[in-house]
Amino acid sequence: MTTRRNFLQKGILGLTATTLINVPSVFAAPAKRNAAGKDPFKLAIAGYSFLNFNLDESLKMMKRVDVHYLCIKDFHLPFKSTTEEITAFHAKLKDNNVVGYAVGPIYTKNKEEIDNAFNYAKRVGVDLLIGIPAHADLEYVAQKTKEYNIRYAIHNHGPQDKLYPNAESIYNLIKNLDQRVGICFDMGHNKRDGRDSVADLQKFSKRIFDMHLKNVTVAANEGTTCELGRGVIDIPAFVKMLRKVNYQGCCSLEYEKDMKDPLAGIAESVGYFRGVCDGTR
């Protein structure tokens, strides 16, 4: 029988296996933890988790927990960064065996801001932009995905979000748009809106390009984020569904509890997730 303690023990053992290698190019995939039986999805960290930390401090925490993919936030790489600054940013990530795989979330209020967001993503060199556009601008977003060949994933923020409270609200608005417009599935906020996040992962998987991995204390507006193994979402069932739908993107841990001292909670969540993955094969 596999218990939460087993999951944690297996995951924590995985944290000691940090691999330090030279990546052959800026966007090359970093070393794999396990060559055999590796899941198609990748564990990452959403840059917002490091709101109160500079890039060096953030990368040091990522090294401590052996995570190698980062969704880039603008407080680490500002929108107006020069080509030289972007190159230096990626060089620093490479030195730490980290790949910046996407940018965002980026809020936009008009077409000019959408233009700026796509231009930023292109200059950074990623093919995925996480955003929160106005409903009226969705057709324009779709045009930009074609123009730039950059995928755009809309983020849901729960019951207080009047634009995109859950995955279904996004899907209903984008289902007839270009296939490069999709969802950044925040499973925690989705749950806070009273949804079944495991079922919604299955239902909308074809348009889910990215996800924010988190758990919440209760399935209601007042729910708050917590360590991954301590909330109301069934994480083992979620992992099994990731495999069932053959999700191949990143699962970006977005840790919003104890944001001024997040390392312990991030480490526990990473260890738990890896333990679940190992224990449910």
C-alpha atoms as a PDB file:
ATOM      1  CA  MET A   1       0.000   0.000   0.000  1.00  0.00           C
ATOM      2  CA  THR A   2       1.327   3.408  -0.952  1.00  0.00           C
ATOM      3  CA  THR A   3       0.865   6.142   1.635  1.00  0.00           C
ATOM      4  CA  ARG A   4       1.532   9.860   1.705  1.00  0.00           C
ATOM      5  CA  ARG A   5       4.622   9.123   3.803  1.00  0.00           C
ATOM      6  CA  ASN A   6       5.878   6.759   1.065  1.00  0.00           C
ATOM      7  CA  PHE A   7       5.321   9.488  -1.513  1.00  0.00           C
ATOM      8  CA  LEU A   8       7.268  12.001   0.526  1.00  0.00           C
ATOM      9  CA  GLN A   9      10.119   9.600   1.247  1.00  0.00           C
ATOM     10  CA  LYS A  10      10.490   8.686  -2.412  1.00  0.00           C
ATOM     11  CA  GLY A  11      10.264  12.291  -3.527  1.00  0.00           C
ATOM     12  CA  ILE A  12      12.741  13.581  -0.953  1.00  0.00           C
ATOM     13  CA  LEU A  13      15.257  10.979  -2.054  1.00  0.00           C
ATOM     14  CA  GLY A  14      14.883  12.375  -5.547  1.00  0.00           C
ATOM     15  CA  LEU A  15      15.824  15.847  -4.338  1.00  0.00           C
ATOM     16  CA  THR A  16      19.359  14.704  -3.541  1.00  0.00           C
ATOM     17  CA  ALA A  17      20.087  13.764  -7.126  1.00  0.00           C
ATOM     18  CA  THR A  18      20.712  17.207  -8.574  1.00  0.00           C
ATOM     19  CA  THR A  19      22.462  16.921 -11.923  1.00  0.00           C
ATOM     20  CA  LEU A  20      24.899  19.591 -12.998  1.00  0.00           C
ATOM     21  CA  ILE A  21      25.919  19.437 -16.668  1.00  0.00           C
ATOM     22  CA  ASN A  22      26.714  21.818 -19.475  1.00  0.00           C
ATOM     23  CA  VAL A  23      23.686  22.342 -21.715  1.00  0.00           C
ATOM     24  CA  PRO A  24      24.760  22.418 -25.396  1.00  0.00           C
ATOM     25  CA  SER A  25      22.410  25.277 -26.310  1.00  0.00           C
ATOM     26  CA  VAL A  26      20.154  27.784 -24.582  1.00  0.00           C
ATOM     27  CA  PHE A  27      16.965  25.859 -25.307  1.00  0.00           C
ATOM     28  CA  ALA A  28      18.289  22.316 -25.080  1.00  0.00           C
ATOM     29  CA  ALA A  29      16.454  20.063 -22.656  1.00  0.00           C
ATOM     30  CA  PRO A  30      18.355  19.537 -19.404  1.00  0.00           C
ATOM     31  CA  ALA A  31      19.419  16.174 -18.041  1.00  0.00           C
ATOM     32  CA  LYS A  32      16.624  13.727 -17.268  1.00  0.00           C
ATOM     33  CA  ARG A  33      16.160  12.344 -13.763  1.00  0.00           C
ATOM     34  CA  ASN A  34      15.316   8.862 -15.040  1.00  0.00           C
ATOM     35  CA  ALA A  35      16.129   7.577 -18.503  1.00  0.00           C
ATOM     36  CA  ALA A  36      13.571   4.749 -18.276  1.00  0.00           C
ATOM     37  CA  GLY A  37       9.887   5.134 -17.539  1.00  0.00           C
ATOM     38  CA  LYS A  38       9.949   8.918 -17.557  1.00  0.00           C
ATOM     39  CA  ASP A  39       6.574  10.639 -17.741  1.00  0.00           C
ATOM     40  CA  PRO A  40       5.887  12.800 -20.822  1.00  0.00           C
ATOM     41  CA  PHE A  41       5.132  15.842 -18.668  1.00  0.00           C
ATOM     42  CA  LYS A  42       7.844  17.902 -16.991  1.00  0.00           C
ATOM     43  CA  LEU A  43       7.932  19.393 -13.518  1.00  0.00           C
ATOM     44  CA  ALA A  44       8.632  23.134 -13.598  1.00  0.00           C
ATOM     45  CA  ILE A  45       8.258  26.160 -11.358  1.00  0.00           C
ATOM     46  CA  ALA A  46       6.108  29.177 -12.161  1.00  0.00           C
ATOM     47  CA  GLY A  47       8.206  32.299 -11.802  1.00  0.00           C
ATOM     48  CA  TYR A  48       5.560  33.991  -9.638  1.00  0.00           C
ATOM     49  CA  SER A  49       6.580  31.624  -6.824  1.00  0.00           C
ATOM     50  CA  PHE A  50       9.769  33.711  -6.562  1.00  0.00           C
ATOM     51  CA  LEU A  51       8.064  37.105  -6.411  1.00  0.00           C
ATOM     52  CA  ASN A  52      10.226  38.252  -3.498  1.00  0.00           C
ATOM     53  CA  PHE A  53      13.542  36.916  -4.812  1.00  0.00           C
ATOM     54  CA  ASN A  54      16.000  37.941  -7.490  1.00  0.00           C
ATOM     55  CA  LEU A  55      17.029  35.564 -10.254  1.00  0.00           C
ATOM     56  CA  ASP A  56      20.172  34.283  -8.516  1.00  0.00           C
ATOM     57  CA  GLU A  57      18.228  33.484  -5.348  1.00  0.00           C
ATOM     58  CA  SER A  58      15.474  31.817  -7.371  1.00  0.00           C
ATOM     59  CA  LEU A  59      17.883  29.641  -9.325  1.00  0.00           C
ATOM     60  CA  LYS A  60      19.582  28.615  -6.108  1.00  0.00           C
ATOM     61  CA  MET A  61      16.232  27.362  -4.775  1.00  0.00           C
ATOM     62  CA  MET A  62      15.539  25.535  -8.033  1.00  0.00           C
ATOM     63  CA  LYS A  63      18.889  23.806  -7.726  1.00  0.00           C
ATOM     64  CA  ARG A  64      18.073  22.784  -4.156  1.00  0.00           C
ATOM     65  CA  VAL A  65      14.906  21.007  -5.307  1.00  0.00           C
ATOM     66  CA  ASP A  66      16.354  19.696  -8.593  1.00  0.00           C
ATOM     67  CA  VAL A  67      13.829  21.361 -10.916  1.00  0.00           C
ATOM     68  CA  HIS A  68      15.056  22.495 -14.335  1.00  0.00           C
ATOM     69  CA  TYR A  69      12.201  24.316 -16.086  1.00  0.00           C
ATOM     70  CA  LEU A  70      11.038  27.856 -15.340  1.00  0.00           C
ATOM     71  CA  CYS A  71       8.105  29.933 -16.576  1.00  0.00           C
ATOM     72  CA  ILE A  72       9.679  33.389 -16.822  1.00  0.00           C
ATOM     73  CA  LYS A  73       8.139  36.388 -15.082  1.00  0.00           C
ATOM     74  CA  ASP A  74       8.921  39.952 -16.059  1.00  0.00           C
ATOM     75  CA  PHE A  75      10.314  40.860 -12.640  1.00  0.00           C
ATOM     76  CA  HIS A  76      13.222  38.552 -13.502  1.00  0.00           C
ATOM     77  CA  LEU A  77      13.410  39.566 -17.163  1.00  0.00           C
ATOM     78  CA  PRO A  78      11.752  42.964 -17.748  1.00  0.00           C
ATOM     79  CA  PHE A  79       9.687  43.598 -20.877  1.00  0.00           C
ATOM     80  CA  LYS A  80      12.144  46.251 -22.072  1.00  0.00           C
ATOM     81  CA  SER A  81      15.211  44.030 -21.737  1.00  0.00           C
ATOM     82  CA  THR A  82      17.802  44.485 -24.465  1.00  0.00           C
ATOM     83  CA  THR A  83      19.073  41.681 -26.663  1.00  0.00           C
ATOM     84  CA  GLU A  84      22.240  41.616 -24.577  1.00  0.00           C
ATOM     85  CA  GLU A  85      20.267  41.369 -21.341  1.00  0.00           C
ATOM     86  CA  ILE A  86      18.137  38.528 -22.712  1.00  0.00           C
ATOM     87  CA  THR A  87      21.251  36.681 -23.843  1.00  0.00           C
ATOM     88  CA  ALA A  88      22.832  37.111 -20.410  1.00  0.00           C
ATOM     89  CA  PHE A  89      19.621  35.912 -18.754  1.00  0.00           C
ATOM     90  CA  HIS A  90      19.579  32.688 -20.764  1.00  0.00           C
ATOM     91  CA  ALA A  91      23.286  32.178 -20.161  1.00  0.00           C
ATOM     92  CA  LYS A  92      22.675  32.350 -16.414  1.00  0.00           C
ATOM     93  CA  LEU A  93      19.834  29.834 -16.709  1.00  0.00           C
ATOM     94  CA  LYS A  94      22.050  27.542 -18.768  1.00  0.00           C
ATOM     95  CA  ASP A  95      24.812  27.750 -16.161  1.00  0.00           C
ATOM     96  CA  ASN A  96      22.248  26.502 -13.633  1.00  0.00           C
ATOM     97  CA  ASN A  97      20.872  23.762 -15.916  1.00  0.00           C
ATOM     98  CA  VAL A  98      17.506  25.542 -16.225  1.00  0.00           C
ATOM     99  CA  VAL A  99      15.403  26.157 -19.328  1.00  0.00           C
ATOM    100  CA  GLY A 100      13.040  29.114 -19.518  1.00  0.00           C
ATOM    101  CA  TYR A 101      10.205  27.479 -21.435  1.00  0.00           C
ATOM    102  CA  ALA A 102       7.517  30.204 -21.447  1.00  0.00           C
ATOM    103  CA  VAL A 103       6.760  33.770 -20.332  1.00  0.00           C
ATOM    104  CA  GLY A 104       3.917  35.077 -18.199  1.00  0.00           C
ATOM    105  CA  PRO A 105       1.291  35.358 -17.051  1.00  0.00           C
ATOM    106  CA  ILE A 106       1.009  38.731 -18.758  1.00  0.00           C
ATOM    107  CA  TYR A 107      -2.125  40.837 -18.298  1.00  0.00           C
ATOM    108  CA  THR A 108      -3.209  42.921 -21.297  1.00  0.00           C
ATOM    109  CA  LYS A 109      -5.943  45.520 -21.653  1.00  0.00           C
ATOM    110  CA  ASN A 110      -5.718  46.362 -25.349  1.00  0.00           C
ATOM    111  CA  LYS A 111      -4.199  45.367 -28.687  1.00  0.00           C
ATOM    112  CA  GLU A 112      -1.053  47.424 -28.195  1.00  0.00           C
ATOM    113  CA  GLU A 113      -0.268  45.550 -24.993  1.00  0.00           C
ATOM    114  CA  ILE A 114      -0.921  42.248 -26.779  1.00  0.00           C
ATOM    115  CA  ASP A 115       1.535  43.312 -29.509  1.00  0.00           C
ATOM    116  CA  ASN A 116       4.107  44.095 -26.829  1.00  0.00           C
ATOM    117  CA  ALA A 117       3.549  40.723 -25.146  1.00  0.00           C
ATOM    118  CA  PHE A 118       4.059  38.750 -28.349  1.00  0.00           C
ATOM    119  CA  ASN A 119       7.101  40.819 -29.251  1.00  0.00           C
ATOM    120  CA  TYR A 120       8.530  40.142 -25.799  1.00  0.00           C
ATOM    121  CA  ALA A 121       7.950  36.382 -26.141  1.00  0.00           C
ATOM    122  CA  LYS A 122       9.609  36.387 -29.562  1.00  0.00           C
ATOM    123  CA  ARG A 123      12.651  38.298 -28.310  1.00  0.00           C
ATOM    124  CA  VAL A 124      12.966  36.005 -25.291  1.00  0.00           C
ATOM    125  CA  GLY A 125      12.862  33.063 -27.692  1.00  0.00           C
ATOM    126  CA  VAL A 126      10.001  31.002 -26.278  1.00  0.00           C
ATOM    127  CA  ASP A 127       7.068  29.473 -28.143  1.00  0.00           C
ATOM    128  CA  LEU A 128       4.536  29.784 -25.320  1.00  0.00           C
ATOM    129  CA  LEU A 129       2.988  32.928 -23.867  1.00  0.00           C
ATOM    130  CA  ILE A 130       0.747  32.784 -20.787  1.00  0.00           C
ATOM    131  CA  GLY A 131      -1.739  35.631 -20.799  1.00  0.00           C
ATOM    132  CA  ILE A 132      -4.946  37.184 -19.548  1.00  0.00           C
ATOM    133  CA  PRO A 133      -6.536  39.185 -22.386  1.00  0.00           C
ATOM    134  CA  ALA A 134      -9.890  40.950 -22.557  1.00  0.00           C
ATOM    135  CA  HIS A 135     -12.693  38.936 -24.140  1.00  0.00           C
ATOM    136  CA  ALA A 136     -12.966  41.511 -26.911  1.00  0.00           C
ATOM    137  CA  ASP A 137      -9.333  40.890 -27.893  1.00  0.00           C
ATOM    138  CA  LEU A 138      -9.475  37.103 -28.283  1.00  0.00           C
ATOM    139  CA  GLU A 139      -9.792  37.197 -32.070  1.00  0.00           C
ATOM    140  CA  TYR A 140      -6.789  39.516 -32.186  1.00  0.00           C
ATOM    141  CA  VAL A 141      -4.823  37.145 -29.947  1.00  0.00           C
ATOM    142  CA  ALA A 142      -5.623  34.343 -32.376  1.00  0.00           C
ATOM    143  CA  GLN A 143      -4.311  36.442 -35.263  1.00  0.00           C
ATOM    144  CA  LYS A 144      -1.081  37.045 -33.370  1.00  0.00           C
ATOM    145  CA  THR A 145      -0.565  33.335 -32.683  1.00  0.00           C
ATOM    146  CA  LYS A 146      -0.622  32.788 -36.449  1.00  0.00           C
ATOM    147  CA  GLU A 147       1.644  35.745 -37.164  1.00  0.00           C
ATOM    148  CA  TYR A 148       4.275  34.773 -34.586  1.00  0.00           C
ATOM    149  CA  ASN A 149       3.642  31.011 -34.463  1.00  0.00           C
ATOM    150  CA  ILE A 150       3.670  31.355 -30.695  1.00  0.00           C
ATOM    151  CA  ARG A 151       1.080  29.497 -28.640  1.00  0.00           C
ATOM    152  CA  TYR A 152      -1.020  31.541 -26.234  1.00  0.00           C
ATOM    153  CA  ALA A 153      -2.398  29.967 -23.052  1.00  0.00           C
ATOM    154  CA  ILE A 154      -5.084  31.826 -21.093  1.00  0.00           C
ATOM    155  CA  HIS A 155      -4.857  31.552 -17.321  1.00  0.00           C
ATOM    156  CA  ASN A 156      -7.906  31.019 -15.066  1.00  0.00           C
ATOM    157  CA  HIS A 157      -7.999  32.658 -11.637  1.00  0.00           C
ATOM    158  CA  GLY A 158     -11.003  31.280  -9.759  1.00  0.00           C
ATOM    159  CA  PRO A 159     -14.380  32.649  -8.642  1.00  0.00           C
ATOM    160  CA  GLN A 160     -13.200  36.220  -8.131  1.00  0.00           C
ATOM    161  CA  ASP A 161     -12.031  36.359 -11.774  1.00  0.00           C
ATOM    162  CA  LYS A 162     -14.870  37.780 -13.867  1.00  0.00           C
ATOM    163  CA  LEU A 163     -13.064  36.994 -17.140  1.00  0.00           C
ATOM    164  CA  TYR A 164     -11.788  33.445 -16.728  1.00  0.00           C
ATOM    165  CA  PRO A 165     -12.824  31.753 -13.470  1.00  0.00           C
ATOM    166  CA  ASN A 166     -12.225  28.173 -14.659  1.00  0.00           C
ATOM    167  CA  ALA A 167     -11.018  26.062 -17.563  1.00  0.00           C
ATOM    168  CA  GLU A 168     -14.478  25.648 -19.067  1.00  0.00           C
ATOM    169  CA  SER A 169     -15.005  29.406 -19.218  1.00  0.00           C
ATOM    170  CA  ILE A 170     -11.831  29.677 -21.303  1.00  0.00           C
ATOM    171  CA  TYR A 171     -12.623  26.717 -23.520  1.00  0.00           C
ATOM    172  CA  ASN A 172     -16.072  28.020 -24.417  1.00  0.00           C
ATOM    173  CA  LEU A 173     -14.510  31.263 -25.640  1.00  0.00           C
ATOM    174  CA  ILE A 174     -11.601  29.762 -27.594  1.00  0.00           C
ATOM    175  CA  LYS A 175     -12.933  26.470 -28.962  1.00  0.00           C
ATOM    176  CA  ASN A 176     -13.498  27.943 -32.423  1.00  0.00           C
ATOM    177  CA  LEU A 177     -10.306  29.998 -32.508  1.00  0.00           C
ATOM    178  CA  ASP A 178      -6.927  29.006 -33.929  1.00  0.00           C
ATOM    179  CA  GLN A 179      -5.607  25.842 -32.272  1.00  0.00           C
ATOM    180  CA  ARG A 180      -2.599  27.799 -31.000  1.00  0.00           C
ATOM    181  CA  VAL A 181      -4.895  29.542 -28.494  1.00  0.00           C
ATOM    182  CA  GLY A 182      -5.292  27.368 -25.414  1.00  0.00           C
ATOM    183  CA  ILE A 183      -5.414  27.170 -21.640  1.00  0.00           C
ATOM    184  CA  CYS A 184      -2.927  27.594 -18.811  1.00  0.00           C
ATOM    185  CA  PHE A 185      -4.831  25.335 -16.432  1.00  0.00           C
ATOM    186  CA  ASP A 186      -4.571  26.555 -12.848  1.00  0.00           C
ATOM    187  CA  MET A 187      -5.918  23.443 -11.146  1.00  0.00           C
ATOM    188  CA  GLY A 188      -6.118  25.147  -7.755  1.00  0.00           C
ATOM    189  CA  HIS A 189      -8.126  28.169  -8.825  1.00  0.00           C
ATOM    190  CA  ASN A 190     -10.282  25.847 -10.930  1.00  0.00           C
ATOM    191  CA  LYS A 191     -11.067  23.863  -7.767  1.00  0.00           C
ATOM    192  CA  ARG A 192     -11.821  27.038  -5.838  1.00  0.00           C
ATOM    193  CA  ASP A 193     -14.527  27.713  -8.429  1.00  0.00           C
ATOM    194  CA  GLY A 194     -16.204  24.464  -7.435  1.00  0.00           C
ATOM    195  CA  ARG A 195     -14.905  22.448 -10.366  1.00  0.00           C
ATOM    196  CA  ASP A 196     -13.480  18.932 -10.483  1.00  0.00           C
ATOM    197  CA  SER A 197      -9.942  19.617 -11.650  1.00  0.00           C
ATOM    198  CA  VAL A 198      -9.225  15.969 -12.510  1.00  0.00           C
ATOM    199  CA  ALA A 199     -12.333  15.754 -14.707  1.00  0.00           C
ATOM    200  CA  ASP A 200     -11.616  19.139 -16.297  1.00  0.00           C
ATOM    201  CA  LEU A 201      -8.067  18.065 -17.126  1.00  0.00           C
ATOM    202  CA  GLN A 202      -9.537  15.186 -19.095  1.00  0.00           C
ATOM    203  CA  LYS A 203     -12.306  17.245 -20.683  1.00  0.00           C
ATOM    204  CA  PHE A 204     -10.133  20.109 -21.930  1.00  0.00           C
ATOM    205  CA  SER A 205      -6.754  18.387 -22.288  1.00  0.00           C
ATOM    206  CA  LYS A 206      -6.451  19.000 -26.035  1.00  0.00           C
ATOM    207  CA  ARG A 207      -6.345  22.754 -25.418  1.00  0.00           C
ATOM    208  CA  ILE A 208      -4.269  22.732 -22.221  1.00  0.00           C
ATOM    209  CA  PHE A 209      -0.765  23.947 -23.111  1.00  0.00           C
ATOM    210  CA  ASP A 210       0.515  24.662 -19.610  1.00  0.00           C
ATOM    211  CA  MET A 211      -0.639  24.276 -16.043  1.00  0.00           C
ATOM    212  CA  HIS A 212      -0.058  25.741 -12.628  1.00  0.00           C
ATOM    213  CA  LEU A 213       0.384  22.877 -10.230  1.00  0.00           C
ATOM    214  CA  LYS A 214      -1.057  23.664  -6.812  1.00  0.00           C
ATOM    215  CA  ASN A 215      -3.471  22.501  -4.161  1.00  0.00           C
ATOM    216  CA  VAL A 216      -6.017  24.469  -2.146  1.00  0.00           C
ATOM    217  CA  THR A 217      -7.460  24.219   1.347  1.00  0.00           C
ATOM    218  CA  VAL A 218     -11.148  24.169   0.330  1.00  0.00           C
ATOM    219  CA  ALA A 219     -13.137  24.099  -2.910  1.00  0.00           C
ATOM    220  CA  ALA A 220     -14.526  27.603  -2.423  1.00  0.00           C
ATOM    221  CA  ASN A 221     -13.644  31.244  -2.942  1.00  0.00           C
ATOM    222  CA  GLU A 222     -12.060  31.445   0.508  1.00  0.00           C
ATOM    223  CA  GLY A 223      -9.740  28.538  -0.264  1.00  0.00           C
ATOM    224  CA  THR A 224      -6.037  29.319  -0.165  1.00  0.00           C
ATOM    225  CA  THR A 225      -3.094  27.576  -1.767  1.00  0.00           C
ATOM    226  CA  CYS A 226      -1.125  25.100   0.298  1.00  0.00           C
ATOM    227  CA  GLU A 227       1.553  22.430   0.026  1.00  0.00           C
ATOM    228  CA  LEU A 228       0.688  20.032  -2.764  1.00  0.00           C
ATOM    229  CA  GLY A 229      -0.062  17.035  -0.553  1.00  0.00           C
ATOM    230  CA  ARG A 230      -2.194  18.888   2.006  1.00  0.00           C
ATOM    231  CA  GLY A 231      -5.162  20.160   0.008  1.00  0.00           C
ATOM    232  CA  VAL A 232      -8.478  18.901  -1.320  1.00  0.00           C
ATOM    233  CA  ILE A 233      -7.375  17.984  -4.854  1.00  0.00           C
ATOM    234  CA  ASP A 234      -6.587  14.293  -5.265  1.00  0.00           C
ATOM    235  CA  ILE A 235      -3.037  14.565  -6.613  1.00  0.00           C
ATOM    236  CA  PRO A 236      -2.539  10.824  -7.322  1.00  0.00           C
ATOM    237  CA  ALA A 237      -5.745  10.867  -9.413  1.00  0.00           C
ATOM    238  CA  PHE A 238      -4.522  14.023 -11.153  1.00  0.00           C
ATOM    239  CA  VAL A 239      -1.185  12.408 -12.051  1.00  0.00           C
ATOM    240  CA  LYS A 240      -2.962   9.343 -13.410  1.00  0.00           C
ATOM    241  CA  MET A 241      -5.111  11.621 -15.556  1.00  0.00           C
ATOM    242  CA  LEU A 242      -2.017  13.443 -16.853  1.00  0.00           C
ATOM    243  CA  ARG A 243      -0.842  10.083 -18.146  1.00  0.00           C
ATOM    244  CA  LYS A 244      -4.243   9.062 -19.482  1.00  0.00           C
ATOM    245  CA  VAL A 245      -4.552  12.199 -21.633  1.00  0.00           C
ATOM    246  CA  ASN A 246      -0.844  12.025 -22.541  1.00  0.00           C
ATOM    247  CA  TYR A 247      -0.173  15.569 -21.353  1.00  0.00           C
ATOM    248  CA  GLN A 248       3.267  16.558 -22.647  1.00  0.00           C
ATOM    249  CA  GLY A 249       3.688  20.071 -21.333  1.00  0.00           C
ATOM    250  CA  CYS A 250       5.054  21.453 -18.098  1.00  0.00           C
ATOM    251  CA  CYS A 251       3.436  21.164 -14.698  1.00  0.00           C
ATOM    252  CA  SER A 252       4.631  24.414 -13.158  1.00  0.00           C
ATOM    253  CA  LEU A 253       4.453  24.419  -9.384  1.00  0.00           C
ATOM    254  CA  GLU A 254       3.065  27.799  -8.349  1.00  0.00           C
ATOM    255  CA  TYR A 255       3.657  28.097  -4.634  1.00  0.00           C
ATOM    256  CA  GLU A 256       1.869  31.105  -3.146  1.00  0.00           C
ATOM    257  CA  LYS A 257       2.008  30.248   0.560  1.00  0.00           C
ATOM    258  CA  ASP A 258       4.848  31.691   2.674  1.00  0.00           C
ATOM    259  CA  MET A 259       6.043  33.653  -0.324  1.00  0.00           C
ATOM    260  CA  LYS A 260       8.770  35.409   1.650  1.00  0.00           C
ATOM    261  CA  ASP A 261      10.176  32.067   2.805  1.00  0.00           C
ATOM    262  CA  PRO A 262       8.934  29.478   0.288  1.00  0.00           C
ATOM    263  CA  LEU A 263      11.748  26.941   0.045  1.00  0.00           C
ATOM    264  CA  ALA A 264      10.430  24.444   2.612  1.00  0.00           C
ATOM    265  CA  GLY A 265       6.957  24.430   1.056  1.00  0.00           C
ATOM    266  CA  ILE A 266       8.346  24.199  -2.473  1.00  0.00           C
ATOM    267  CA  ALA A 267      10.612  21.302  -1.440  1.00  0.00           C
ATOM    268  CA  GLU A 268       7.739  19.468   0.247  1.00  0.00           C
ATOM    269  CA  SER A 269       5.504  19.960  -2.791  1.00  0.00           C
ATOM    270  CA  VAL A 270       8.188  18.879  -5.263  1.00  0.00           C
ATOM    271  CA  GLY A 271       9.006  15.826  -3.154  1.00  0.00           C
ATOM    272  CA  TYR A 272       5.356  14.899  -2.821  1.00  0.00           C
ATOM    273  CA  PHE A 273       4.689  15.248  -6.553  1.00  0.00           C
ATOM    274  CA  ARG A 274       7.698  13.110  -7.437  1.00  0.00           C
ATOM    275  CA  GLY A 275       6.689  10.572  -4.817  1.00  0.00           C
ATOM    276  CA  VAL A 276       3.202  10.371  -6.296  1.00  0.00           C
ATOM    277  CA  CYS A 277       4.645   9.958  -9.786  1.00  0.00           C
ATOM    278  CA  ASP A 278       6.964   7.197  -8.631  1.00  0.00           C
ATOM    279  CA  GLY A 279       4.326   5.503  -6.476  1.00  0.00           C
ATOM    280  CA  THR A 280       1.592   5.388  -9.119  1.00  0.00           C
ATOM    281  CA  ARG A 281       3.511   3.896 -12.033  1.00  0.00           C
END
